[in-house]
Structures are given as C-alpha cells and as structure tokens.
Amino acid sequence: QYEQAGITWYNDGKPVFKEVKELVDGHLYIIPGKQPMPARSV
C-alpha cells in the first residue's frame, strides 16, 4: 500500500509536492488527481 515512484518538489528543505505512480487500495494511480495508471511505464 502506497508504494510509489516519481518526482518530489522540495521547498526550503521540505517535500511540498509529489507527482508519482502509486499503489492505492490495490490499484495504480497517478497522484495527485488519482488518475488510473495500469501501464508498466509512464
């Protein structure tokens, strides 16, 4: 659950935003936006 990979934006040393491919409740999504992402590569 929540296994993920992608881009994280840091502001003043703190993570403030991420765009990732993430496993949520058994399904893969692009987060933010929770867009379905079944493809192996994106």
PDB file of all heavy atoms in Angstrom:
ATOM      1  N   GLN A   1       0.837  -1.202   0.000  1.00  0.00           N
ATOM      2  CA  GLN A   1       0.000   0.000   0.000  1.00  0.00           C
ATOM      3  C   GLN A   1       0.876   1.258   0.000  1.00  0.00           C
ATOM      4  O   GLN A   1       1.823   1.362   0.779  1.00  0.00           O
ATOM      5  CB  GLN A   1      -0.911  -0.011   1.235  1.00  0.00           C
ATOM      6  CG  GLN A   1      -1.785   1.215   1.405  1.00  0.00           C
ATOM      7  CD  GLN A   1      -3.020   1.233   0.524  1.00  0.00           C
ATOM      8  OE1 GLN A   1      -3.024   0.709  -0.577  1.00  0.00           O
ATOM      9  NE2 GLN A   1      -4.077   1.849   1.009  1.00  0.00           N
ATOM     10  N   TYR A   2       0.581   2.179  -0.919  1.00  0.00           N
ATOM     11  CA  TYR A   2       1.268   3.460  -1.096  1.00  0.00           C
ATOM     12  C   TYR A   2       2.694   3.321  -1.645  1.00  0.00           C
ATOM     13  O   TYR A   2       3.459   4.284  -1.625  1.00  0.00           O
ATOM     14  CB  TYR A   2       1.274   4.302   0.182  1.00  0.00           C
ATOM     15  CG  TYR A   2      -0.108   4.510   0.758  1.00  0.00           C
ATOM     16  CD1 TYR A   2      -0.371   4.220   2.095  1.00  0.00           C
ATOM     17  CD2 TYR A   2      -1.155   4.950  -0.037  1.00  0.00           C
ATOM     18  CE1 TYR A   2      -1.644   4.382   2.623  1.00  0.00           C
ATOM     19  CE2 TYR A   2      -2.434   5.116   0.483  1.00  0.00           C
ATOM     20  CZ  TYR A   2      -2.677   4.829   1.809  1.00  0.00           C
ATOM     21  OH  TYR A   2      -3.936   4.983   2.326  1.00  0.00           O
ATOM     22  N   GLU A   3       3.063   2.152  -2.166  1.00  0.00           N
ATOM     23  CA  GLU A   3       4.347   2.004  -2.853  1.00  0.00           C
ATOM     24  C   GLU A   3       4.328   2.941  -4.055  1.00  0.00           C
ATOM     25  O   GLU A   3       3.359   2.959  -4.819  1.00  0.00           O
ATOM     26  CB  GLU A   3       4.522   0.554  -3.292  1.00  0.00           C
ATOM     27  CG  GLU A   3       5.882   0.213  -3.837  1.00  0.00           C
ATOM     28  CD  GLU A   3       6.056  -1.282  -4.096  1.00  0.00           C
ATOM     29  OE1 GLU A   3       5.322  -2.100  -3.497  1.00  0.00           O
ATOM     30  OE2 GLU A   3       6.928  -1.615  -4.915  1.00  0.00           O
ATOM     31  N   GLN A   4       5.391   3.725  -4.236  1.00  0.00           N
ATOM     32  CA  GLN A   4       5.335   4.801  -5.222  1.00  0.00           C
ATOM     33  C   GLN A   4       6.703   5.181  -5.764  1.00  0.00           C
ATOM     34  O   GLN A   4       7.725   4.909  -5.143  1.00  0.00           O
ATOM     35  CB  GLN A   4       4.682   6.029  -4.611  1.00  0.00           C
ATOM     36  CG  GLN A   4       5.444   6.596  -3.429  1.00  0.00           C
ATOM     37  CD  GLN A   4       4.641   7.654  -2.723  1.00  0.00           C
ATOM     38  OE1 GLN A   4       4.754   8.833  -3.058  1.00  0.00           O
ATOM     39  NE2 GLN A   4       3.823   7.254  -1.754  1.00  0.00           N
ATOM     40  N   ALA A   5       6.671   5.842  -6.907  1.00  0.00           N
ATOM     41  CA  ALA A   5       7.895   6.363  -7.524  1.00  0.00           C
ATOM     42  C   ALA A   5       7.535   7.561  -8.384  1.00  0.00           C
ATOM     43  O   ALA A   5       6.477   7.582  -9.022  1.00  0.00           O
ATOM     44  CB  ALA A   5       8.564   5.294  -8.380  1.00  0.00           C
ATOM     45  N   GLY A   6       8.430   8.558  -8.405  1.00  0.00           N
ATOM     46  CA  GLY A   6       8.185   9.714  -9.255  1.00  0.00           C
ATOM     47  C   GLY A   6       9.028  10.907  -8.868  1.00  0.00           C
ATOM     48  O   GLY A   6      10.171  10.774  -8.439  1.00  0.00           O
ATOM     49  N   ILE A   7       8.427  12.091  -9.026  1.00  0.00           N
ATOM     50  CA  ILE A   7       9.091  13.379  -8.812  1.00  0.00           C
ATOM     51  C   ILE A   7       8.589  13.990  -7.500  1.00  0.00           C
ATOM     52  O   ILE A   7       7.377  14.014  -7.253  1.00  0.00           O
ATOM     53  CB  ILE A   7       8.763  14.355  -9.964  1.00  0.00           C
ATOM     54  CG1 ILE A   7       9.216  13.782 -11.316  1.00  0.00           C
ATOM     55  CG2 ILE A   7       9.393  15.726  -9.717  1.00  0.00           C
ATOM     56  CD1 ILE A   7       8.680  14.545 -12.519  1.00  0.00           C
ATOM     57  N   THR A   8       9.510  14.502  -6.694  1.00  0.00           N
ATOM     58  CA  THR A   8       9.138  15.235  -5.476  1.00  0.00           C
ATOM     59  C   THR A   8       9.770  16.619  -5.530  1.00  0.00           C
ATOM     60  O   THR A   8      10.927  16.763  -5.916  1.00  0.00           O
ATOM     61  CB  THR A   8       9.595  14.485  -4.205  1.00  0.00           C
ATOM     62  OG1 THR A   8       8.937  13.217  -4.160  1.00  0.00           O
ATOM     63  CG2 THR A   8       9.255  15.260  -2.944  1.00  0.00           C
ATOM     64  N   TRP A   9       8.990  17.633  -5.156  1.00  0.00           N
ATOM     65  CA  TRP A   9       9.459  19.019  -5.123  1.00  0.00           C
ATOM     66  C   TRP A   9       9.719  19.401  -3.670  1.00  0.00           C
ATOM     67  O   TRP A   9       8.871  19.205  -2.802  1.00  0.00           O
ATOM     68  CB  TRP A   9       8.397  19.954  -5.712  1.00  0.00           C
ATOM     69  CG  TRP A   9       8.931  21.325  -5.977  1.00  0.00           C
ATOM     70  CD1 TRP A   9       8.936  22.386  -5.116  1.00  0.00           C
ATOM     71  CD2 TRP A   9       9.562  21.777  -7.175  1.00  0.00           C
ATOM     72  NE1 TRP A   9       9.525  23.477  -5.707  1.00  0.00           N
ATOM     73  CE2 TRP A   9       9.923  23.121  -6.987  1.00  0.00           C
ATOM     74  CE3 TRP A   9       9.851  21.172  -8.402  1.00  0.00           C
ATOM     75  CZ2 TRP A   9      10.555  23.882  -7.960  1.00  0.00           C
ATOM     76  CZ3 TRP A   9      10.483  21.916  -9.378  1.00  0.00           C
ATOM     77  CH2 TRP A   9      10.826  23.250  -9.160  1.00  0.00           C
ATOM     78  N   TYR A  10      10.920  19.934  -3.424  1.00  0.00           N
ATOM     79  CA  TYR A  10      11.298  20.391  -2.086  1.00  0.00           C
ATOM     80  C   TYR A  10      11.340  21.920  -2.076  1.00  0.00           C
ATOM     81  O   TYR A  10      11.820  22.542  -3.020  1.00  0.00           O
ATOM     82  CB  TYR A  10      12.682  19.864  -1.702  1.00  0.00           C
ATOM     83  CG  TYR A  10      12.699  18.397  -1.358  1.00  0.00           C
ATOM     84  CD1 TYR A  10      12.734  17.425  -2.352  1.00  0.00           C
ATOM     85  CD2 TYR A  10      12.697  17.978  -0.031  1.00  0.00           C
ATOM     86  CE1 TYR A  10      12.750  16.079  -2.040  1.00  0.00           C
ATOM     87  CE2 TYR A  10      12.713  16.628   0.295  1.00  0.00           C
ATOM     88  CZ  TYR A  10      12.746  15.684  -0.715  1.00  0.00           C
ATOM     89  OH  TYR A  10      12.760  14.344  -0.405  1.00  0.00           O
ATOM     90  N   ASN A  11      10.840  22.499  -0.987  1.00  0.00           N
ATOM     91  CA  ASN A  11      10.850  23.941  -0.788  1.00  0.00           C
ATOM     92  C   ASN A  11      11.437  24.176   0.582  1.00  0.00           C
ATOM     93  O   ASN A  11      10.892  23.699   1.585  1.00  0.00           O
ATOM     94  CB  ASN A  11       9.415  24.477  -0.900  1.00  0.00           C
ATOM     95  CG  ASN A  11       9.319  25.978  -0.752  1.00  0.00           C
ATOM     96  OD1 ASN A  11       9.031  26.476   0.339  1.00  0.00           O
ATOM     97  ND2 ASN A  11       9.544  26.702  -1.826  1.00  0.00           N
ATOM     98  N   ASP A  12      12.576  24.881   0.626  1.00  0.00           N
ATOM     99  CA  ASP A  12      13.258  25.167   1.878  1.00  0.00           C
ATOM    100  C   ASP A  12      13.548  23.889   2.669  1.00  0.00           C
ATOM    101  O   ASP A  12      13.355  23.833   3.883  1.00  0.00           O
ATOM    102  CB  ASP A  12      12.440  26.153   2.711  1.00  0.00           C
ATOM    103  CG  ASP A  12      13.304  26.944   3.683  1.00  0.00           C
ATOM    104  OD1 ASP A  12      14.536  26.993   3.481  1.00  0.00           O
ATOM    105  OD2 ASP A  12      12.748  27.485   4.651  1.00  0.00           O
ATOM    106  N   GLY A  13      13.970  22.837   1.959  1.00  0.00           N
ATOM    107  CA  GLY A  13      14.367  21.585   2.596  1.00  0.00           C
ATOM    108  C   GLY A  13      13.253  20.622   2.930  1.00  0.00           C
ATOM    109  O   GLY A  13      13.508  19.535   3.461  1.00  0.00           O
ATOM    110  N   LYS A  14      12.004  20.981   2.621  1.00  0.00           N
ATOM    111  CA  LYS A  14      10.870  20.108   2.964  1.00  0.00           C
ATOM    112  C   LYS A  14      10.135  19.667   1.705  1.00  0.00           C
ATOM    113  O   LYS A  14       9.914  20.482   0.798  1.00  0.00           O
ATOM    114  CB  LYS A  14       9.890  20.849   3.880  1.00  0.00           C
ATOM    115  CG  LYS A  14      10.479  21.204   5.208  1.00  0.00           C
ATOM    116  CD  LYS A  14       9.476  21.948   6.065  1.00  0.00           C
ATOM    117  CE  LYS A  14      10.134  22.275   7.388  1.00  0.00           C
ATOM    118  NZ  LYS A  14       9.813  23.572   7.886  1.00  0.00           N
ATOM    119  N   PRO A  15       9.709  18.390   1.648  1.00  0.00           N
ATOM    120  CA  PRO A  15       8.913  17.950   0.496  1.00  0.00           C
ATOM    121  C   PRO A  15       7.530  18.600   0.551  1.00  0.00           C
ATOM    122  O   PRO A  15       6.820  18.483   1.546  1.00  0.00           O
ATOM    123  CB  PRO A  15       8.836  16.429   0.663  1.00  0.00           C
ATOM    124  CG  PRO A  15       9.089  16.168   2.116  1.00  0.00           C
ATOM    125  CD  PRO A  15       9.933  17.308   2.609  1.00  0.00           C
ATOM    126  N   VAL A  16       7.156  19.323  -0.522  1.00  0.00           N
ATOM    127  CA  VAL A  16       5.866  20.027  -0.522  1.00  0.00           C
ATOM    128  C   VAL A  16       4.931  19.539  -1.622  1.00  0.00           C
ATOM    129  O   VAL A  16       3.753  19.896  -1.643  1.00  0.00           O
ATOM    130  CB  VAL A  16       6.050  21.559  -0.650  1.00  0.00           C
ATOM    131  CG1 VAL A  16       6.761  22.120   0.575  1.00  0.00           C
ATOM    132  CG2 VAL A  16       6.773  21.932  -1.931  1.00  0.00           C
ATOM    133  N   PHE A  17       5.441  18.736  -2.547  1.00  0.00           N
ATOM    134  CA  PHE A  17       4.617  18.272  -3.647  1.00  0.00           C
ATOM    135  C   PHE A  17       5.234  17.016  -4.245  1.00  0.00           C
ATOM    136  O   PHE A  17       6.455  16.884  -4.285  1.00  0.00           O
ATOM    137  CB  PHE A  17       4.518  19.347  -4.740  1.00  0.00           C
ATOM    138  CG  PHE A  17       3.828  18.842  -5.977  1.00  0.00           C
ATOM    139  CD1 PHE A  17       2.457  18.791  -6.046  1.00  0.00           C
ATOM    140  CD2 PHE A  17       4.561  18.357  -7.041  1.00  0.00           C
ATOM    141  CE1 PHE A  17       1.821  18.280  -7.164  1.00  0.00           C
ATOM    142  CE2 PHE A  17       3.939  17.844  -8.158  1.00  0.00           C
ATOM    143  CZ  PHE A  17       2.563  17.803  -8.221  1.00  0.00           C
ATOM    144  N   LYS A  18       4.367  16.100  -4.717  1.00  0.00           N
ATOM    145  CA  LYS A  18       4.868  14.933  -5.431  1.00  0.00           C
ATOM    146  C   LYS A  18       3.957  14.633  -6.609  1.00  0.00           C
ATOM    147  O   LYS A  18       2.743  14.863  -6.566  1.00  0.00           O
ATOM    148  CB  LYS A  18       4.950  13.710  -4.513  1.00  0.00           C
ATOM    149  CG  LYS A  18       3.590  13.191  -4.058  1.00  0.00           C
ATOM    150  CD  LYS A  18       3.713  11.962  -3.189  1.00  0.00           C
ATOM    151  CE  LYS A  18       2.333  11.429  -2.799  1.00  0.00           C
ATOM    152  NZ  LYS A  18       2.410  10.235  -1.958  1.00  0.00           N
ATOM    153  N   GLU A  19       4.577  14.147  -7.692  1.00  0.00           N
ATOM    154  CA  GLU A  19       3.847  13.562  -8.816  1.00  0.00           C
ATOM    155  C   GLU A  19       4.405  12.156  -8.971  1.00  0.00           C
ATOM    156  O   GLU A  19       5.576  11.979  -9.326  1.00  0.00           O
ATOM    157  CB  GLU A  19       4.034  14.345 -10.109  1.00  0.00           C
ATOM    158  CG  GLU A  19       3.273  13.694 -11.267  1.00  0.00           C
ATOM    159  CD  GLU A  19       3.463  14.366 -12.605  1.00  0.00           C
ATOM    160  OE1 GLU A  19       4.287  15.293 -12.721  1.00  0.00           O
ATOM    161  OE2 GLU A  19       2.782  13.943 -13.554  1.00  0.00           O
ATOM    162  N   VAL A  20       3.578  11.161  -8.662  1.00  0.00           N
ATOM    163  CA  VAL A  20       4.062   9.790  -8.586  1.00  0.00           C
ATOM    164  C   VAL A  20       3.075   8.804  -9.199  1.00  0.00           C
ATOM    165  O   VAL A  20       1.895   9.096  -9.361  1.00  0.00           O
ATOM    166  CB  VAL A  20       4.326   9.368  -7.116  1.00  0.00           C
ATOM    167  CG1 VAL A  20       5.443  10.183  -6.489  1.00  0.00           C
ATOM    168  CG2 VAL A  20       3.059   9.460  -6.275  1.00  0.00           C
ATOM    169  N   LYS A  21       3.591   7.639  -9.489  1.00  0.00           N
ATOM    170  CA  LYS A  21       2.787   6.461  -9.799  1.00  0.00           C
ATOM    171  C   LYS A  21       2.724   5.680  -8.486  1.00  0.00           C
ATOM    172  O   LYS A  21       3.764   5.298  -7.947  1.00  0.00           O
ATOM    173  CB  LYS A  21       3.460   5.649 -10.897  1.00  0.00           C
ATOM    174  CG  LYS A  21       2.710   4.406 -11.300  1.00  0.00           C
ATOM    175  CD  LYS A  21       3.503   3.676 -12.390  1.00  0.00           C
ATOM    176  CE  LYS A  21       2.808   2.412 -12.824  1.00  0.00           C
ATOM    177  NZ  LYS A  21       3.663   1.662 -13.767  1.00  0.00           N
ATOM    178  N   GLU A  22       1.510   5.483  -7.950  1.00  0.00           N
ATOM    179  CA  GLU A  22       1.367   4.986  -6.582  1.00  0.00           C
ATOM    180  C   GLU A  22       0.294   3.899  -6.501  1.00  0.00           C
ATOM    181  O   GLU A  22      -0.764   4.001  -7.133  1.00  0.00           O
ATOM    182  CB  GLU A  22       1.006   6.151  -5.653  1.00  0.00           C
ATOM    183  CG  GLU A  22       0.892   5.792  -4.198  1.00  0.00           C
ATOM    184  CD  GLU A  22       0.734   7.018  -3.304  1.00  0.00           C
ATOM    185  OE1 GLU A  22       0.892   8.169  -3.788  1.00  0.00           O
ATOM    186  OE2 GLU A  22       0.447   6.829  -2.115  1.00  0.00           O
ATOM    187  N   LEU A  23       0.565   2.873  -5.685  1.00  0.00           N
ATOM    188  CA  LEU A  23      -0.408   1.807  -5.434  1.00  0.00           C
ATOM    189  C   LEU A  23      -1.311   2.218  -4.276  1.00  0.00           C
ATOM    190  O   LEU A  23      -0.832   2.438  -3.154  1.00  0.00           O
ATOM    191  CB  LEU A  23       0.313   0.496  -5.101  1.00  0.00           C
ATOM    192  CG  LEU A  23      -0.598  -0.722  -4.923  1.00  0.00           C
ATOM    193  CD1 LEU A  23      -1.208  -1.148  -6.264  1.00  0.00           C
ATOM    194  CD2 LEU A  23       0.172  -1.884  -4.311  1.00  0.00           C
ATOM    195  N   VAL A  24      -2.614   2.335  -4.557  1.00  0.00           N
ATOM    196  CA  VAL A  24      -3.590   2.714  -3.535  1.00  0.00           C
ATOM    197  C   VAL A  24      -4.738   1.713  -3.603  1.00  0.00           C
ATOM    198  O   VAL A  24      -5.393   1.568  -4.642  1.00  0.00           O
ATOM    199  CB  VAL A  24      -4.124   4.151  -3.757  1.00  0.00           C
ATOM    200  CG1 VAL A  24      -5.144   4.514  -2.677  1.00  0.00           C
ATOM    201  CG2 VAL A  24      -2.979   5.161  -3.792  1.00  0.00           C
ATOM    202  N   ASP A  25      -4.949   1.005  -2.498  1.00  0.00           N
ATOM    203  CA  ASP A  25      -6.043   0.032  -2.397  1.00  0.00           C
ATOM    204  C   ASP A  25      -6.053  -0.953  -3.564  1.00  0.00           C
ATOM    205  O   ASP A  25      -7.096  -1.258  -4.140  1.00  0.00           O
ATOM    206  CB  ASP A  25      -7.390   0.751  -2.278  1.00  0.00           C
ATOM    207  CG  ASP A  25      -7.474   1.616  -1.025  1.00  0.00           C
ATOM    208  OD1 ASP A  25      -6.813   1.268  -0.021  1.00  0.00           O
ATOM    209  OD2 ASP A  25      -8.166   2.648  -1.057  1.00  0.00           O
ATOM    210  N   GLY A  26      -4.868  -1.433  -3.925  1.00  0.00           N
ATOM    211  CA  GLY A  26      -4.751  -2.471  -4.944  1.00  0.00           C
ATOM    212  C   GLY A  26      -4.739  -2.000  -6.383  1.00  0.00           C
ATOM    213  O   GLY A  26      -4.658  -2.815  -7.301  1.00  0.00           O
ATOM    214  N   HIS A  27      -4.814  -0.678  -6.601  1.00  0.00           N
ATOM    215  CA  HIS A  27      -4.821  -0.138  -7.961  1.00  0.00           C
ATOM    216  C   HIS A  27      -3.727   0.918  -8.106  1.00  0.00           C
ATOM    217  O   HIS A  27      -3.445   1.663  -7.162  1.00  0.00           O
ATOM    218  CB  HIS A  27      -6.181   0.475  -8.304  1.00  0.00           C
ATOM    219  CG  HIS A  27      -7.300  -0.498  -8.222  1.00  0.00           C
ATOM    220  ND1 HIS A  27      -7.556  -1.442  -9.193  1.00  0.00           N
ATOM    221  CD2 HIS A  27      -8.233  -0.697  -7.255  1.00  0.00           C
ATOM    222  CE1 HIS A  27      -8.600  -2.163  -8.843  1.00  0.00           C
ATOM    223  NE2 HIS A  27      -9.026  -1.738  -7.664  1.00  0.00           N
ATOM    224  N   LEU A  28      -3.140   1.007  -9.304  1.00  0.00           N
ATOM    225  CA  LEU A  28      -2.109   2.009  -9.572  1.00  0.00           C
ATOM    226  C   LEU A  28      -2.729   3.285 -10.107  1.00  0.00           C
ATOM    227  O   LEU A  28      -3.608   3.242 -10.974  1.00  0.00           O
ATOM    228  CB  LEU A  28      -1.091   1.460 -10.579  1.00  0.00           C
ATOM    229  CG  LEU A  28      -0.125   0.435 -10.004  1.00  0.00           C
ATOM    230  CD1 LEU A  28       0.631  -0.259 -11.120  1.00  0.00           C
ATOM    231  CD2 LEU A  28       0.837   1.091  -9.037  1.00  0.00           C
ATOM    232  N   TYR A  29      -2.253   4.406  -9.579  1.00  0.00           N
ATOM    233  CA  TYR A  29      -2.763   5.715  -9.971  1.00  0.00           C
ATOM    234  C   TYR A  29      -1.602   6.683 -10.172  1.00  0.00           C
ATOM    235  O   TYR A  29      -0.524   6.515  -9.606  1.00  0.00           O
ATOM    236  CB  TYR A  29      -3.658   6.304  -8.878  1.00  0.00           C
ATOM    237  CG  TYR A  29      -4.904   5.518  -8.590  1.00  0.00           C
ATOM    238  CD1 TYR A  29      -4.969   4.668  -7.494  1.00  0.00           C
ATOM    239  CD2 TYR A  29      -6.032   5.641  -9.404  1.00  0.00           C
ATOM    240  CE1 TYR A  29      -6.121   3.945  -7.215  1.00  0.00           C
ATOM    241  CE2 TYR A  29      -7.191   4.927  -9.132  1.00  0.00           C
ATOM    242  CZ  TYR A  29      -7.228   4.081  -8.033  1.00  0.00           C
ATOM    243  OH  TYR A  29      -8.366   3.375  -7.775  1.00  0.00           O
ATOM    244  N   ILE A  30      -1.882   7.754 -10.931  1.00  0.00           N
ATOM    245  CA  ILE A  30      -1.040   8.935 -10.916  1.00  0.00           C
ATOM    246  C   ILE A  30      -1.596   9.825  -9.816  1.00  0.00           C
ATOM    247  O   ILE A  30      -2.789  10.156  -9.798  1.00  0.00           O
ATOM    248  CB  ILE A  30      -1.068   9.682 -12.278  1.00  0.00           C
ATOM    249  CG1 ILE A  30      -0.487   8.811 -13.382  1.00  0.00           C
ATOM    250  CG2 ILE A  30      -0.316  11.007 -12.165  1.00  0.00           C
ATOM    251  CD1 ILE A  30       0.974   8.433 -13.206  1.00  0.00           C
ATOM    252  N   ILE A  31      -0.730  10.169  -8.872  1.00  0.00           N
ATOM    253  CA  ILE A  31      -1.086  11.040  -7.763  1.00  0.00           C
ATOM    254  C   ILE A  31      -0.244  12.307  -7.918  1.00  0.00           C
ATOM    255  O   ILE A  31       0.967  12.197  -8.126  1.00  0.00           O
ATOM    256  CB  ILE A  31      -0.772  10.354  -6.405  1.00  0.00           C
ATOM    257  CG1 ILE A  31      -1.526   9.036  -6.261  1.00  0.00           C
ATOM    258  CG2 ILE A  31      -1.065  11.295  -5.238  1.00  0.00           C
ATOM    259  CD1 ILE A  31      -3.032   9.135  -6.162  1.00  0.00           C
ATOM    260  N   PRO A  32      -0.845  13.487  -7.865  1.00  0.00           N
ATOM    261  CA  PRO A  32      -2.207  13.830  -7.471  1.00  0.00           C
ATOM    262  C   PRO A  32      -3.204  13.584  -8.608  1.00  0.00           C
ATOM    263  O   PRO A  32      -2.805  13.327  -9.738  1.00  0.00           O
ATOM    264  CB  PRO A  32      -2.094  15.324  -7.164  1.00  0.00           C
ATOM    265  CG  PRO A  32      -1.049  15.812  -8.110  1.00  0.00           C
ATOM    266  CD  PRO A  32      -0.058  14.676  -8.227  1.00  0.00           C
ATOM    267  N   GLY A  33      -4.447  13.680  -8.274  1.00  0.00           N
ATOM    268  CA  GLY A  33      -5.511  13.526  -9.254  1.00  0.00           C
ATOM    269  C   GLY A  33      -6.121  12.142  -9.285  1.00  0.00           C
ATOM    270  O   GLY A  33      -7.195  11.944  -9.826  1.00  0.00           O
ATOM    271  N   LYS A  34      -5.406  11.160  -8.742  1.00  0.00           N
ATOM    272  CA  LYS A  34      -5.870   9.764  -8.684  1.00  0.00           C
ATOM    273  C   LYS A  34      -6.371   9.286 -10.042  1.00  0.00           C
ATOM    274  O   LYS A  34      -7.469   8.783 -10.186  1.00  0.00           O
ATOM    275  CB  LYS A  34      -6.916   9.584  -7.602  1.00  0.00           C
ATOM    276  CG  LYS A  34      -6.969   8.155  -7.078  1.00  0.00           C
ATOM    277  CD  LYS A  34      -7.836   8.016  -5.853  1.00  0.00           C
ATOM    278  CE  LYS A  34      -7.807   6.568  -5.372  1.00  0.00           C
ATOM    279  NZ  LYS A  34      -8.733   6.345  -4.262  1.00  0.00           N
ATOM    280  N   GLN A  35      -5.502   9.474 -11.054  1.00  0.00           N
ATOM    281  CA  GLN A  35      -5.806   9.019 -12.408  1.00  0.00           C
ATOM    282  C   GLN A  35      -5.328   7.576 -12.569  1.00  0.00           C
ATOM    283  O   GLN A  35      -4.185   7.279 -12.258  1.00  0.00           O
ATOM    284  CB  GLN A  35      -5.125   9.909 -13.447  1.00  0.00           C
ATOM    285  CG  GLN A  35      -5.513  11.366 -13.368  1.00  0.00           C
ATOM    286  CD  GLN A  35      -6.984  11.580 -13.657  1.00  0.00           C
ATOM    287  OE1 GLN A  35      -7.531  10.998 -14.572  1.00  0.00           O
ATOM    288  NE2 GLN A  35      -7.618  12.415 -12.848  1.00  0.00           N
ATOM    289  N   PRO A  36      -6.177   6.650 -13.029  1.00  0.00           N
ATOM    290  CA  PRO A  36      -5.768   5.254 -13.187  1.00  0.00           C
ATOM    291  C   PRO A  36      -4.532   5.136 -14.087  1.00  0.00           C
ATOM    292  O   PRO A  36      -4.444   5.805 -15.109  1.00  0.00           O
ATOM    293  CB  PRO A  36      -6.987   4.598 -13.848  1.00  0.00           C
ATOM    294  CG  PRO A  36      -8.138   5.467 -13.465  1.00  0.00           C
ATOM    295  CD  PRO A  36      -7.589   6.863 -13.403  1.00  0.00           C
ATOM    296  N   MET A  37      -3.579   4.280 -13.685  1.00  0.00           N
ATOM    297  CA  MET A  37      -2.338   4.127 -14.436  1.00  0.00           C
ATOM    298  C   MET A  37      -1.915   2.654 -14.454  1.00  0.00           C
ATOM    299  O   MET A  37      -1.051   2.234 -13.699  1.00  0.00           O
ATOM    300  CB  MET A  37      -1.234   4.988 -13.804  1.00  0.00           C
ATOM    301  CG  MET A  37       0.124   4.900 -14.465  1.00  0.00           C
ATOM    302  SD  MET A  37       0.155   4.882 -16.251  1.00  0.00           S
ATOM    303  CE  MET A  37      -0.759   6.344 -16.632  1.00  0.00           C
ATOM    304  N   PRO A  38      -2.538   1.850 -15.293  1.00  0.00           N
ATOM    305  CA  PRO A  38      -2.183   0.427 -15.341  1.00  0.00           C
ATOM    306  C   PRO A  38      -0.896   0.139 -16.109  1.00  0.00           C
ATOM    307  O   PRO A  38      -0.345  -0.949 -15.993  1.00  0.00           O
ATOM    308  CB  PRO A  38      -3.392  -0.213 -16.034  1.00  0.00           C
ATOM    309  CG  PRO A  38      -3.942   0.885 -16.899  1.00  0.00           C
ATOM    310  CD  PRO A  38      -3.688   2.160 -16.139  1.00  0.00           C
ATOM    311  N   ALA A  39      -0.400   1.089 -16.904  1.00  0.00           N
ATOM    312  CA  ALA A  39       0.794   0.851 -17.716  1.00  0.00           C
ATOM    313  C   ALA A  39       2.023   0.638 -16.823  1.00  0.00           C
ATOM    314  O   ALA A  39       2.154   1.264 -15.779  1.00  0.00           O
ATOM    315  CB  ALA A  39       1.038   2.018 -18.673  1.00  0.00           C
ATOM    316  N   ARG A  40       2.905  -0.233 -17.264  1.00  0.00           N
ATOM    317  CA  ARG A  40       4.136  -0.528 -16.533  1.00  0.00           C
ATOM    318  C   ARG A  40       5.085   0.671 -16.527  1.00  0.00           C
ATOM    319  O   ARG A  40       5.844   0.887 -15.596  1.00  0.00           O
ATOM    320  CB  ARG A  40       4.805  -1.740 -17.187  1.00  0.00           C
ATOM    321  CG  ARG A  40       5.973  -2.289 -16.452  1.00  0.00           C
ATOM    322  CD  ARG A  40       6.391  -3.634 -17.077  1.00  0.00           C
ATOM    323  NE  ARG A  40       7.776  -3.880 -16.777  1.00  0.00           N
ATOM    324  CZ  ARG A  40       8.785  -3.679 -17.609  1.00  0.00           C
ATOM    325  NH1 ARG A  40       8.571  -3.275 -18.829  1.00  0.00           N
ATOM    326  NH2 ARG A  40      10.017  -3.916 -17.239  1.00  0.00           N
ATOM    327  N   SER A  41       5.028   1.473 -17.590  1.00  0.00           N
ATOM    328  CA  SER A  41       5.925   2.611 -17.745  1.00  0.00           C
ATOM    329  C   SER A  41       5.102   3.864 -18.031  1.00  0.00           C
ATOM    330  O   SER A  41       4.085   3.806 -18.730  1.00  0.00           O
ATOM    331  CB  SER A  41       6.897   2.330 -18.902  1.00  0.00           C
ATOM    332  OG  SER A  41       7.813   3.371 -19.046  1.00  0.00           O
ATOM    333  N   VAL A  42       5.566   5.002 -17.483  1.00  0.00           N
ATOM    334  CA  VAL A  42       4.863   6.264 -17.698  1.00  0.00           C
ATOM    335  C   VAL A  42       5.881   7.399 -17.701  1.00  0.00           C
ATOM    336  O   VAL A  42       6.871   7.365 -16.969  1.00  0.00           O
ATOM    337  CB  VAL A  42       3.777   6.509 -16.621  1.00  0.00           C
ATOM    338  CG1 VAL A  42       4.379   6.617 -15.228  1.00  0.00           C
ATOM    339  CG2 VAL A  42       2.933   7.737 -16.939  1.00  0.00           C
TER     340      VAL A  42
END
